[in-house]
């Protein structure tokens, strides 16, 4: 667990299904988790702080370890309405719509292109933007990249749709880019997204 910027904690853990390390975030003042996967050492770290109250998902696939946080802390999980069809196993998820203000002051923006529920979460008070699967960082220090074409139905069309969405998002006021897959950009996130969007 590392505080990458004031009020933003980041960690990675190996995803049991896809077998790679993925990123998650905790905003302690807001008591909000973003795309949480259980840390390698378990959830005890959160017992030493104000317990989380809410989980925000940047897409339906990022439910990850949310059930563990629900059982331990009673958090409420929030996912955009377009992704609710994923939760047919009885998981309790509160829907939101693009444009809604969410717990912690996050505002939900539509990204789309790669899937209907691809969401960006703008956190104005923390000068941060969290994104899902449309852009990733394969290695520490590397630039943003698209996921492999195999994960896209129509790769060229999908990439252009993502670029268009990211150009729009790069007009928001933020400095930190919080990635679900890869090391976050601290202080340079808006520039990195704008360059990537072209």
N, C-alpha and C. Protein backbone atom coordinates (compact mmCIF):
# COMPACT_ATOMS: atom_id res chain seq x y z
N UNK A 1 0.86 -1.18 0.00
CA UNK A 1 0.00 0.00 0.00
C UNK A 1 0.90 1.24 0.00
N UNK A 2 0.60 2.14 -0.91
CA UNK A 2 1.42 3.35 -1.02
C UNK A 2 0.52 4.55 -1.25
N UNK A 3 0.77 5.62 -0.50
CA UNK A 3 0.05 6.87 -0.74
C UNK A 3 0.75 7.59 -1.88
N UNK A 4 0.17 7.53 -3.08
CA UNK A 4 0.82 8.07 -4.27
C UNK A 4 0.63 9.57 -4.42
N UNK A 5 -0.40 10.10 -3.79
CA UNK A 5 -0.69 11.54 -3.77
C UNK A 5 -1.53 11.76 -2.52
N UNK A 6 -1.58 12.98 -1.99
CA UNK A 6 -2.36 13.19 -0.77
C UNK A 6 -3.79 12.67 -0.92
N UNK A 7 -4.14 11.72 -0.04
CA UNK A 7 -5.50 11.19 -0.03
C UNK A 7 -5.77 10.07 -1.02
N UNK A 8 -4.75 9.58 -1.73
CA UNK A 8 -4.95 8.50 -2.70
C UNK A 8 -3.95 7.37 -2.40
N UNK A 9 -4.46 6.24 -1.99
CA UNK A 9 -3.62 5.06 -1.72
C UNK A 9 -3.78 4.06 -2.85
N UNK A 10 -2.67 3.45 -3.25
CA UNK A 10 -2.64 2.52 -4.38
C UNK A 10 -1.98 1.22 -3.95
N UNK A 11 -2.47 0.11 -4.49
CA UNK A 11 -1.79 -1.17 -4.32
C UNK A 11 -2.11 -2.07 -5.51
N UNK A 12 -1.31 -3.12 -5.65
CA UNK A 12 -1.57 -4.12 -6.68
C UNK A 12 -1.65 -5.49 -6.02
N UNK A 13 -2.36 -6.38 -6.68
CA UNK A 13 -2.43 -7.78 -6.25
C UNK A 13 -2.73 -8.62 -7.48
N UNK A 14 -2.37 -9.88 -7.40
CA UNK A 14 -2.57 -10.79 -8.52
C UNK A 14 -4.04 -11.17 -8.63
N UNK A 15 -4.58 -10.96 -9.81
CA UNK A 15 -5.98 -11.31 -10.07
C UNK A 15 -6.07 -12.82 -10.25
N UNK A 16 -6.93 -13.50 -9.49
CA UNK A 16 -6.94 -14.96 -9.55
C UNK A 16 -7.39 -15.53 -10.89
N UNK A 17 -8.19 -14.78 -11.64
CA UNK A 17 -8.69 -15.31 -12.90
C UNK A 17 -7.77 -15.01 -14.07
N UNK A 18 -7.31 -13.76 -14.16
CA UNK A 18 -6.49 -13.38 -15.33
C UNK A 18 -4.99 -13.52 -15.06
N UNK A 19 -4.63 -13.82 -13.79
CA UNK A 19 -3.25 -14.18 -13.43
C UNK A 19 -2.22 -13.06 -13.60
N UNK A 20 -2.66 -11.82 -13.58
CA UNK A 20 -1.73 -10.69 -13.61
C UNK A 20 -2.07 -9.76 -12.45
N UNK A 21 -1.11 -8.90 -12.10
CA UNK A 21 -1.35 -7.94 -11.04
C UNK A 21 -2.20 -6.79 -11.57
N UNK A 22 -3.17 -6.39 -10.78
CA UNK A 22 -4.06 -5.30 -11.16
C UNK A 22 -4.02 -4.23 -10.07
N UNK A 23 -4.42 -3.03 -10.42
CA UNK A 23 -4.35 -1.90 -9.49
C UNK A 23 -5.70 -1.60 -8.86
N UNK A 24 -5.63 -1.18 -7.60
CA UNK A 24 -6.80 -0.73 -6.85
C UNK A 24 -6.42 0.51 -6.06
N UNK A 25 -7.44 1.23 -5.58
CA UNK A 25 -7.22 2.51 -4.89
C UNK A 25 -8.15 2.65 -3.70
N UNK A 26 -7.66 3.35 -2.67
CA UNK A 26 -8.49 3.71 -1.53
C UNK A 26 -8.34 5.19 -1.25
N UNK A 27 -9.48 5.84 -1.05
CA UNK A 27 -9.53 7.27 -0.73
C UNK A 27 -10.05 7.36 0.71
N UNK A 28 -9.15 7.41 1.70
CA UNK A 28 -9.59 7.28 3.09
C UNK A 28 -10.49 8.40 3.59
N UNK A 29 -10.26 9.64 3.18
CA UNK A 29 -11.13 10.72 3.64
C UNK A 29 -12.56 10.53 3.13
N UNK A 30 -12.68 10.00 1.91
CA UNK A 30 -13.98 9.76 1.31
C UNK A 30 -14.53 8.39 1.68
N UNK A 31 -13.63 7.51 2.20
CA UNK A 31 -13.97 6.13 2.55
C UNK A 31 -14.47 5.34 1.35
N UNK A 32 -13.81 5.59 0.20
CA UNK A 32 -14.19 5.01 -1.08
C UNK A 32 -13.06 4.15 -1.63
N UNK A 33 -13.42 2.95 -2.08
CA UNK A 33 -12.51 2.06 -2.80
C UNK A 33 -12.85 2.12 -4.29
N UNK A 34 -11.83 2.04 -5.13
CA UNK A 34 -12.04 1.99 -6.58
C UNK A 34 -11.47 0.67 -7.09
N UNK A 35 -12.34 -0.13 -7.73
CA UNK A 35 -11.94 -1.40 -8.36
C UNK A 35 -11.12 -2.27 -7.40
N UNK A 36 -11.63 -2.58 -6.21
CA UNK A 36 -10.76 -3.21 -5.21
C UNK A 36 -10.51 -4.70 -5.43
N UNK A 37 -9.26 -5.07 -5.31
CA UNK A 37 -8.87 -6.46 -5.17
C UNK A 37 -8.20 -6.57 -3.79
N UNK A 38 -8.42 -7.66 -3.12
CA UNK A 38 -7.85 -7.80 -1.78
C UNK A 38 -6.33 -7.72 -1.85
N UNK A 39 -5.70 -6.89 -1.01
CA UNK A 39 -4.24 -6.84 -0.98
C UNK A 39 -3.66 -8.21 -0.61
N UNK A 40 -2.41 -8.43 -0.98
CA UNK A 40 -1.76 -9.70 -0.69
C UNK A 40 -1.80 -10.05 0.79
N UNK A 41 -1.73 -9.04 1.67
CA UNK A 41 -1.74 -9.27 3.11
C UNK A 41 -3.13 -9.29 3.72
N UNK A 42 -4.18 -9.26 2.88
CA UNK A 42 -5.54 -9.28 3.40
C UNK A 42 -6.08 -7.90 3.69
N UNK A 43 -7.17 -7.85 4.43
CA UNK A 43 -7.91 -6.59 4.64
C UNK A 43 -7.60 -5.91 5.97
N UNK A 44 -6.67 -6.45 6.76
CA UNK A 44 -6.41 -5.88 8.09
C UNK A 44 -5.96 -4.42 8.02
N UNK A 45 -5.26 -4.03 6.96
CA UNK A 45 -4.79 -2.65 6.81
C UNK A 45 -5.95 -1.68 6.97
N UNK A 46 -7.13 -2.05 6.46
CA UNK A 46 -8.28 -1.16 6.51
C UNK A 46 -8.87 -1.06 7.91
N UNK A 47 -8.62 -2.06 8.76
CA UNK A 47 -9.11 -2.01 10.14
C UNK A 47 -8.42 -0.91 10.94
N UNK A 48 -7.23 -0.50 10.52
CA UNK A 48 -6.47 0.51 11.24
C UNK A 48 -6.86 1.93 10.84
N UNK A 49 -7.81 2.05 9.95
CA UNK A 49 -8.26 3.36 9.45
C UNK A 49 -9.78 3.41 9.51
N UNK A 50 -10.35 4.54 9.11
CA UNK A 50 -11.79 4.58 8.96
C UNK A 50 -12.17 3.57 7.89
N UNK A 51 -13.05 2.66 8.22
CA UNK A 51 -13.40 1.58 7.30
C UNK A 51 -14.07 2.13 6.05
N UNK A 52 -13.84 1.49 4.90
CA UNK A 52 -14.51 1.93 3.68
C UNK A 52 -16.02 1.76 3.77
N UNK A 53 -16.73 2.64 3.09
CA UNK A 53 -18.19 2.56 3.05
C UNK A 53 -18.72 2.27 1.65
N UNK A 54 -17.92 2.58 0.63
CA UNK A 54 -18.41 2.44 -0.74
C UNK A 54 -17.32 1.92 -1.66
N UNK A 55 -17.74 1.17 -2.66
CA UNK A 55 -16.89 0.70 -3.75
C UNK A 55 -17.43 1.28 -5.05
N UNK A 56 -16.55 1.88 -5.84
CA UNK A 56 -16.92 2.39 -7.16
C UNK A 56 -16.21 1.54 -8.21
N UNK A 57 -16.98 1.05 -9.18
CA UNK A 57 -16.42 0.22 -10.25
C UNK A 57 -16.32 1.03 -11.53
N UNK A 58 -15.19 0.92 -12.22
CA UNK A 58 -15.03 1.59 -13.51
C UNK A 58 -15.58 0.75 -14.65
N UNK A 59 -15.81 -0.53 -14.42
CA UNK A 59 -16.67 -1.34 -15.28
C UNK A 59 -17.06 -2.61 -14.52
N UNK A 60 -17.99 -3.36 -15.08
CA UNK A 60 -18.57 -4.50 -14.36
C UNK A 60 -17.53 -5.57 -14.02
N UNK A 61 -16.50 -5.70 -14.84
CA UNK A 61 -15.50 -6.74 -14.62
C UNK A 61 -14.60 -6.46 -13.41
N UNK A 62 -14.68 -5.26 -12.87
CA UNK A 62 -13.78 -4.88 -11.79
C UNK A 62 -14.40 -5.07 -10.41
N UNK A 63 -15.41 -5.90 -10.32
CA UNK A 63 -16.00 -6.27 -9.03
C UNK A 63 -14.94 -6.93 -8.14
N UNK A 64 -14.07 -7.73 -8.76
CA UNK A 64 -12.88 -8.31 -8.13
C UNK A 64 -13.18 -8.87 -6.74
N UNK A 65 -12.62 -8.26 -5.68
CA UNK A 65 -12.80 -8.76 -4.31
C UNK A 65 -13.88 -8.00 -3.55
N UNK A 66 -14.78 -7.37 -4.25
CA UNK A 66 -15.79 -6.54 -3.58
C UNK A 66 -16.59 -7.31 -2.55
N UNK A 67 -16.87 -8.60 -2.83
CA UNK A 67 -17.63 -9.40 -1.87
C UNK A 67 -16.94 -9.45 -0.51
N UNK A 68 -15.61 -9.54 -0.51
CA UNK A 68 -14.87 -9.57 0.77
C UNK A 68 -15.05 -8.27 1.54
N UNK A 69 -15.05 -7.15 0.81
CA UNK A 69 -15.25 -5.85 1.47
C UNK A 69 -16.68 -5.69 1.95
N UNK A 70 -17.64 -6.24 1.21
CA UNK A 70 -19.03 -6.20 1.64
C UNK A 70 -19.18 -6.99 2.94
N UNK A 71 -18.62 -8.18 2.97
CA UNK A 71 -18.76 -9.04 4.15
C UNK A 71 -18.04 -8.48 5.37
N UNK A 72 -16.88 -7.85 5.16
CA UNK A 72 -16.07 -7.36 6.29
C UNK A 72 -16.54 -6.00 6.78
N UNK A 73 -16.89 -5.11 5.83
CA UNK A 73 -17.16 -3.72 6.22
C UNK A 73 -18.57 -3.24 5.89
N UNK A 74 -19.34 -4.06 5.18
CA UNK A 74 -20.70 -3.65 4.82
C UNK A 74 -20.76 -2.57 3.76
N UNK A 75 -19.74 -2.50 2.90
CA UNK A 75 -19.70 -1.46 1.87
C UNK A 75 -20.86 -1.61 0.89
N UNK A 76 -21.19 -0.51 0.23
CA UNK A 76 -22.13 -0.52 -0.88
C UNK A 76 -21.33 -0.45 -2.17
N UNK A 77 -21.63 -1.37 -3.11
CA UNK A 77 -20.92 -1.43 -4.38
C UNK A 77 -21.75 -0.70 -5.43
N UNK A 78 -21.09 0.16 -6.20
CA UNK A 78 -21.77 0.97 -7.23
C UNK A 78 -21.19 0.63 -8.60
N UNK A 79 -22.08 0.34 -9.56
CA UNK A 79 -21.67 0.05 -10.94
C UNK A 79 -22.63 0.75 -11.88
N UNK A 80 -22.13 1.20 -13.01
CA UNK A 80 -23.00 1.87 -13.97
C UNK A 80 -24.09 0.91 -14.42
N UNK A 81 -25.26 1.45 -14.63
CA UNK A 81 -26.45 0.65 -14.96
C UNK A 81 -26.22 -0.26 -16.16
N UNK A 82 -25.45 0.20 -17.14
CA UNK A 82 -25.21 -0.59 -18.35
C UNK A 82 -24.44 -1.88 -18.08
N UNK A 83 -23.86 -2.03 -16.90
CA UNK A 83 -23.10 -3.24 -16.57
C UNK A 83 -23.80 -4.18 -15.62
N UNK A 84 -25.03 -3.89 -15.24
CA UNK A 84 -25.69 -4.69 -14.21
C UNK A 84 -26.00 -6.11 -14.63
N UNK A 85 -26.03 -6.39 -15.93
CA UNK A 85 -26.34 -7.75 -16.38
C UNK A 85 -25.27 -8.75 -15.94
N UNK A 86 -24.11 -8.28 -15.51
CA UNK A 86 -23.04 -9.15 -15.02
C UNK A 86 -23.40 -9.79 -13.67
N UNK A 87 -24.28 -9.14 -12.92
CA UNK A 87 -24.50 -9.53 -11.53
C UNK A 87 -25.78 -10.35 -11.39
N UNK A 88 -25.71 -11.57 -11.89
CA UNK A 88 -26.87 -12.46 -11.83
C UNK A 88 -26.73 -13.48 -10.70
N UNK A 89 -25.62 -13.41 -9.95
CA UNK A 89 -25.38 -14.40 -8.90
C UNK A 89 -25.83 -13.92 -7.52
N UNK A 90 -26.60 -12.84 -7.49
CA UNK A 90 -27.11 -12.33 -6.22
C UNK A 90 -26.28 -11.24 -5.59
N UNK A 91 -25.17 -10.86 -6.22
CA UNK A 91 -24.37 -9.75 -5.67
C UNK A 91 -25.21 -8.48 -5.64
N UNK A 92 -25.16 -7.77 -4.53
CA UNK A 92 -25.93 -6.53 -4.40
C UNK A 92 -25.10 -5.38 -4.93
N UNK A 93 -25.59 -4.76 -5.98
CA UNK A 93 -24.88 -3.65 -6.62
C UNK A 93 -25.87 -2.52 -6.86
N UNK A 94 -25.48 -1.32 -6.46
CA UNK A 94 -26.32 -0.14 -6.68
C UNK A 94 -25.99 0.47 -8.04
N UNK A 95 -27.00 0.69 -8.88
CA UNK A 95 -26.71 1.26 -10.20
C UNK A 95 -26.53 2.77 -10.15
N UNK A 96 -25.70 3.26 -11.07
CA UNK A 96 -25.63 4.70 -11.30
C UNK A 96 -25.66 4.93 -12.80
N UNK A 97 -25.88 6.18 -13.19
CA UNK A 97 -25.91 6.55 -14.59
C UNK A 97 -24.77 7.52 -14.88
N UNK A 98 -24.36 7.55 -16.13
CA UNK A 98 -23.33 8.51 -16.53
C UNK A 98 -23.84 9.92 -16.21
N UNK A 99 -22.96 10.73 -15.65
CA UNK A 99 -23.32 12.08 -15.24
C UNK A 99 -23.66 12.19 -13.77
N UNK A 100 -23.88 11.05 -13.10
CA UNK A 100 -24.23 11.08 -11.67
C UNK A 100 -23.01 11.45 -10.83
N UNK A 101 -23.29 12.12 -9.71
CA UNK A 101 -22.27 12.31 -8.69
C UNK A 101 -22.38 11.16 -7.71
N UNK A 102 -21.26 10.55 -7.40
CA UNK A 102 -21.21 9.33 -6.59
C UNK A 102 -20.55 9.61 -5.24
N UNK A 103 -20.56 8.64 -4.33
CA UNK A 103 -19.86 8.84 -3.05
C UNK A 103 -18.43 9.31 -3.26
N UNK A 104 -18.00 10.18 -2.35
CA UNK A 104 -16.66 10.73 -2.46
C UNK A 104 -16.56 11.89 -3.43
N UNK A 105 -17.68 12.31 -3.99
CA UNK A 105 -17.67 13.43 -4.94
C UNK A 105 -17.25 13.04 -6.34
N UNK A 106 -17.13 11.73 -6.62
CA UNK A 106 -16.77 11.28 -7.97
C UNK A 106 -17.91 11.55 -8.93
N UNK A 107 -17.56 11.91 -10.15
CA UNK A 107 -18.56 12.11 -11.21
C UNK A 107 -18.28 11.07 -12.30
N UNK A 108 -19.34 10.36 -12.71
CA UNK A 108 -19.20 9.27 -13.68
C UNK A 108 -19.32 9.79 -15.10
N UNK A 109 -18.34 9.44 -15.94
CA UNK A 109 -18.33 9.82 -17.36
C UNK A 109 -18.33 8.57 -18.22
N UNK A 110 -19.06 8.64 -19.32
CA UNK A 110 -19.10 7.54 -20.26
C UNK A 110 -17.83 7.50 -21.10
N UNK A 111 -17.24 6.33 -21.21
CA UNK A 111 -16.13 6.09 -22.12
C UNK A 111 -16.62 5.24 -23.28
N UNK A 112 -17.30 4.14 -22.95
CA UNK A 112 -17.85 3.27 -23.99
C UNK A 112 -16.78 2.66 -24.86
N UNK A 113 -17.10 2.45 -26.12
CA UNK A 113 -16.20 1.95 -27.18
C UNK A 113 -15.79 0.51 -26.97
N UNK A 114 -15.09 0.22 -25.88
CA UNK A 114 -14.62 -1.15 -25.66
C UNK A 114 -15.71 -2.03 -25.04
N UNK A 115 -16.60 -1.42 -24.25
CA UNK A 115 -17.79 -2.09 -23.74
C UNK A 115 -18.77 -1.00 -23.28
N UNK A 116 -20.07 -1.29 -23.25
CA UNK A 116 -21.06 -0.24 -22.93
C UNK A 116 -20.91 0.37 -21.55
N UNK A 117 -20.32 -0.39 -20.62
CA UNK A 117 -20.22 0.11 -19.24
C UNK A 117 -18.84 0.67 -18.90
N UNK A 118 -17.99 0.88 -19.88
CA UNK A 118 -16.66 1.46 -19.62
C UNK A 118 -16.84 2.87 -19.09
N UNK A 119 -16.36 3.10 -17.88
CA UNK A 119 -16.63 4.33 -17.13
C UNK A 119 -15.33 4.99 -16.70
N UNK A 120 -15.33 6.31 -16.70
CA UNK A 120 -14.26 7.09 -16.07
C UNK A 120 -14.86 7.79 -14.86
N UNK A 121 -14.10 7.85 -13.78
CA UNK A 121 -14.55 8.50 -12.56
C UNK A 121 -13.66 9.72 -12.31
N UNK A 122 -14.26 10.90 -12.38
CA UNK A 122 -13.51 12.13 -12.12
C UNK A 122 -13.66 12.48 -10.65
N UNK A 123 -12.53 12.70 -10.00
CA UNK A 123 -12.48 13.03 -8.57
C UNK A 123 -11.90 14.42 -8.43
N UNK A 124 -12.71 15.46 -8.61
CA UNK A 124 -12.18 16.83 -8.63
C UNK A 124 -11.42 17.22 -7.38
N UNK A 125 -11.90 16.82 -6.21
CA UNK A 125 -11.23 17.21 -4.96
C UNK A 125 -9.84 16.63 -4.83
N UNK A 126 -9.58 15.52 -5.54
CA UNK A 126 -8.28 14.86 -5.48
C UNK A 126 -7.49 15.05 -6.78
N UNK A 127 -8.02 15.85 -7.69
CA UNK A 127 -7.36 16.11 -8.98
C UNK A 127 -7.02 14.80 -9.69
N UNK A 128 -7.98 13.86 -9.69
CA UNK A 128 -7.71 12.54 -10.24
C UNK A 128 -8.81 12.09 -11.18
N UNK A 129 -8.43 11.20 -12.10
CA UNK A 129 -9.37 10.54 -13.00
C UNK A 129 -9.03 9.05 -12.99
N UNK A 130 -10.04 8.21 -12.72
CA UNK A 130 -9.85 6.75 -12.74
C UNK A 130 -10.48 6.20 -14.01
N UNK A 131 -9.72 5.33 -14.72
CA UNK A 131 -10.24 4.72 -15.94
C UNK A 131 -10.14 3.21 -15.84
N UNK A 132 -10.88 2.53 -16.72
CA UNK A 132 -11.02 1.08 -16.63
C UNK A 132 -10.05 0.35 -17.56
N UNK A 133 -10.56 -0.20 -18.66
CA UNK A 133 -9.78 -1.12 -19.49
C UNK A 133 -9.35 -0.56 -20.84
N UNK A 134 -9.81 0.61 -21.19
CA UNK A 134 -9.50 1.15 -22.51
C UNK A 134 -8.05 1.52 -22.72
N UNK A 135 -7.37 1.88 -21.64
CA UNK A 135 -5.94 2.23 -21.70
C UNK A 135 -5.24 1.58 -20.52
N UNK A 136 -4.08 1.01 -20.79
CA UNK A 136 -3.34 0.28 -19.77
C UNK A 136 -1.87 0.70 -19.82
N UNK A 137 -1.12 0.25 -18.84
CA UNK A 137 0.32 0.51 -18.78
C UNK A 137 0.99 -0.83 -18.50
N UNK A 138 1.67 -1.38 -19.50
CA UNK A 138 2.19 -2.73 -19.38
C UNK A 138 3.40 -2.82 -18.46
N UNK A 139 4.19 -1.75 -18.33
CA UNK A 139 5.37 -1.75 -17.48
C UNK A 139 5.48 -0.40 -16.76
N UNK A 140 6.09 -0.41 -15.59
CA UNK A 140 6.32 0.83 -14.86
C UNK A 140 7.13 1.79 -15.73
N UNK A 141 6.68 3.02 -15.80
CA UNK A 141 7.38 4.03 -16.58
C UNK A 141 7.02 4.05 -18.05
N UNK A 142 6.25 3.08 -18.51
CA UNK A 142 5.87 3.01 -19.93
C UNK A 142 4.73 3.99 -20.20
N UNK A 143 4.53 4.34 -21.48
CA UNK A 143 3.38 5.18 -21.83
C UNK A 143 2.10 4.36 -21.82
N UNK A 144 0.98 5.03 -21.97
CA UNK A 144 -0.30 4.34 -22.10
C UNK A 144 -0.33 3.52 -23.38
N UNK A 145 -1.10 2.43 -23.36
CA UNK A 145 -1.26 1.57 -24.52
C UNK A 145 -2.68 1.02 -24.52
N UNK A 146 -3.10 0.55 -25.68
CA UNK A 146 -4.37 -0.16 -25.75
C UNK A 146 -4.16 -1.61 -25.29
N UNK A 147 -5.22 -2.22 -24.82
CA UNK A 147 -5.16 -3.66 -24.56
C UNK A 147 -4.96 -4.37 -25.89
N UNK A 148 -4.50 -5.62 -25.89
CA UNK A 148 -4.31 -6.33 -27.15
C UNK A 148 -5.60 -6.40 -27.97
N UNK A 149 -5.45 -6.42 -29.29
CA UNK A 149 -6.59 -6.45 -30.20
C UNK A 149 -7.54 -7.60 -29.92
N UNK A 150 -7.03 -8.70 -29.38
CA UNK A 150 -7.87 -9.87 -29.11
C UNK A 150 -8.99 -9.56 -28.13
N UNK A 151 -8.85 -8.48 -27.34
CA UNK A 151 -9.87 -8.11 -26.37
C UNK A 151 -10.87 -7.10 -26.93
N UNK A 152 -10.80 -6.84 -28.22
CA UNK A 152 -11.69 -5.88 -28.87
C UNK A 152 -12.43 -6.57 -30.01
N UNK A 153 -13.73 -6.29 -30.13
CA UNK A 153 -14.50 -6.88 -31.22
C UNK A 153 -14.08 -6.32 -32.57
N UNK A 154 -13.95 -5.02 -32.66
CA UNK A 154 -13.51 -4.35 -33.89
C UNK A 154 -12.38 -3.41 -33.51
N UNK A 155 -11.15 -3.89 -33.49
CA UNK A 155 -10.04 -3.14 -32.89
C UNK A 155 -9.88 -1.71 -33.39
N UNK A 156 -9.86 -1.48 -34.68
CA UNK A 156 -9.62 -0.11 -35.16
C UNK A 156 -10.76 0.82 -34.80
N UNK A 157 -11.97 0.33 -34.94
CA UNK A 157 -13.13 1.16 -34.57
C UNK A 157 -13.14 1.42 -33.06
N UNK A 158 -12.83 0.39 -32.28
CA UNK A 158 -12.80 0.54 -30.83
C UNK A 158 -11.74 1.55 -30.41
N UNK A 159 -10.55 1.45 -30.99
CA UNK A 159 -9.47 2.38 -30.63
C UNK A 159 -9.84 3.82 -30.96
N UNK A 160 -10.47 4.03 -32.09
CA UNK A 160 -10.86 5.41 -32.43
C UNK A 160 -11.93 5.92 -31.47
N UNK A 161 -12.87 5.04 -31.09
CA UNK A 161 -13.88 5.44 -30.10
C UNK A 161 -13.26 5.78 -28.76
N UNK A 162 -12.27 5.01 -28.35
CA UNK A 162 -11.58 5.30 -27.09
C UNK A 162 -10.80 6.60 -27.18
N UNK A 163 -10.11 6.81 -28.29
CA UNK A 163 -9.37 8.08 -28.45
C UNK A 163 -10.32 9.28 -28.34
N UNK A 164 -11.46 9.16 -28.98
CA UNK A 164 -12.44 10.25 -28.93
C UNK A 164 -12.89 10.52 -27.50
N UNK A 165 -13.19 9.45 -26.76
CA UNK A 165 -13.60 9.62 -25.36
C UNK A 165 -12.49 10.22 -24.52
N UNK A 166 -11.26 9.76 -24.74
CA UNK A 166 -10.14 10.26 -23.94
C UNK A 166 -9.80 11.70 -24.28
N UNK A 167 -10.00 12.10 -25.53
CA UNK A 167 -9.80 13.52 -25.86
C UNK A 167 -10.77 14.39 -25.07
N UNK A 168 -12.00 13.94 -24.97
CA UNK A 168 -13.02 14.67 -24.20
C UNK A 168 -12.64 14.69 -22.72
N UNK A 169 -12.23 13.55 -22.18
CA UNK A 169 -11.89 13.49 -20.76
C UNK A 169 -10.65 14.31 -20.43
N UNK A 170 -9.74 14.43 -21.38
CA UNK A 170 -8.51 15.20 -21.14
C UNK A 170 -8.77 16.69 -20.99
N UNK A 171 -10.00 17.13 -21.24
CA UNK A 171 -10.33 18.55 -21.01
C UNK A 171 -10.74 18.79 -19.55
N UNK A 172 -10.95 17.71 -18.78
CA UNK A 172 -11.29 17.86 -17.37
C UNK A 172 -10.05 18.31 -16.59
N UNK A 173 -10.29 18.81 -15.40
CA UNK A 173 -9.20 19.28 -14.55
C UNK A 173 -8.74 18.14 -13.64
N UNK A 174 -7.59 17.55 -13.94
CA UNK A 174 -7.02 16.52 -13.08
C UNK A 174 -5.52 16.43 -13.35
N UNK A 175 -4.79 15.87 -12.39
CA UNK A 175 -3.34 15.67 -12.53
C UNK A 175 -2.95 14.20 -12.45
N UNK A 176 -3.75 13.41 -11.72
CA UNK A 176 -3.41 12.02 -11.48
C UNK A 176 -4.34 11.11 -12.31
N UNK A 177 -3.75 10.16 -13.00
CA UNK A 177 -4.53 9.20 -13.80
C UNK A 177 -4.41 7.84 -13.13
N UNK A 178 -5.54 7.34 -12.62
CA UNK A 178 -5.57 6.09 -11.87
C UNK A 178 -6.00 4.97 -12.80
N UNK A 179 -5.08 4.05 -13.08
CA UNK A 179 -5.34 2.97 -14.02
C UNK A 179 -5.76 1.71 -13.27
N UNK A 180 -6.67 0.96 -13.87
CA UNK A 180 -7.04 -0.34 -13.31
C UNK A 180 -5.98 -1.38 -13.64
N UNK A 181 -5.25 -1.14 -14.73
CA UNK A 181 -4.22 -2.08 -15.18
C UNK A 181 -2.93 -1.30 -15.44
N UNK A 182 -2.07 -1.28 -14.45
CA UNK A 182 -0.79 -0.62 -14.60
C UNK A 182 -0.57 0.47 -13.57
N UNK A 183 0.67 0.92 -13.53
CA UNK A 183 1.09 1.96 -12.60
C UNK A 183 0.39 3.28 -12.91
N UNK A 184 -0.17 3.95 -11.90
CA UNK A 184 -0.83 5.24 -12.16
C UNK A 184 0.16 6.32 -12.57
N UNK A 185 -0.36 7.33 -13.22
CA UNK A 185 0.42 8.53 -13.54
C UNK A 185 0.14 9.55 -12.45
N UNK A 186 1.17 9.94 -11.72
CA UNK A 186 1.02 10.88 -10.62
C UNK A 186 1.55 12.23 -11.06
N UNK A 187 0.68 13.21 -11.11
CA UNK A 187 1.06 14.57 -11.49
C UNK A 187 1.07 14.83 -12.98
N UNK A 188 1.15 13.79 -13.78
CA UNK A 188 1.26 13.96 -15.24
C UNK A 188 0.13 13.26 -15.99
N UNK A 189 -0.91 12.87 -15.28
CA UNK A 189 -1.95 12.05 -15.88
C UNK A 189 -2.73 12.70 -17.00
N UNK A 190 -3.05 13.97 -16.83
CA UNK A 190 -3.83 14.63 -17.87
C UNK A 190 -3.02 14.73 -19.17
N UNK A 191 -1.76 15.09 -19.06
CA UNK A 191 -0.90 15.17 -20.24
C UNK A 191 -0.73 13.81 -20.89
N UNK A 192 -0.55 12.77 -20.07
CA UNK A 192 -0.38 11.42 -20.62
C UNK A 192 -1.62 10.98 -21.39
N UNK A 193 -2.80 11.29 -20.85
CA UNK A 193 -4.03 10.89 -21.54
C UNK A 193 -4.21 11.69 -22.82
N UNK A 194 -3.91 12.98 -22.78
CA UNK A 194 -4.05 13.82 -23.97
C UNK A 194 -3.12 13.35 -25.09
N UNK A 195 -1.89 13.02 -24.75
CA UNK A 195 -0.94 12.52 -25.76
C UNK A 195 -1.43 11.20 -26.34
N UNK A 196 -1.90 10.32 -25.48
CA UNK A 196 -2.39 9.02 -25.93
C UNK A 196 -3.59 9.17 -26.86
N UNK A 197 -4.49 10.11 -26.53
CA UNK A 197 -5.69 10.30 -27.34
C UNK A 197 -5.37 10.91 -28.69
N UNK A 198 -4.25 11.62 -28.78
CA UNK A 198 -3.81 12.18 -30.07
C UNK A 198 -4.55 13.42 -30.49
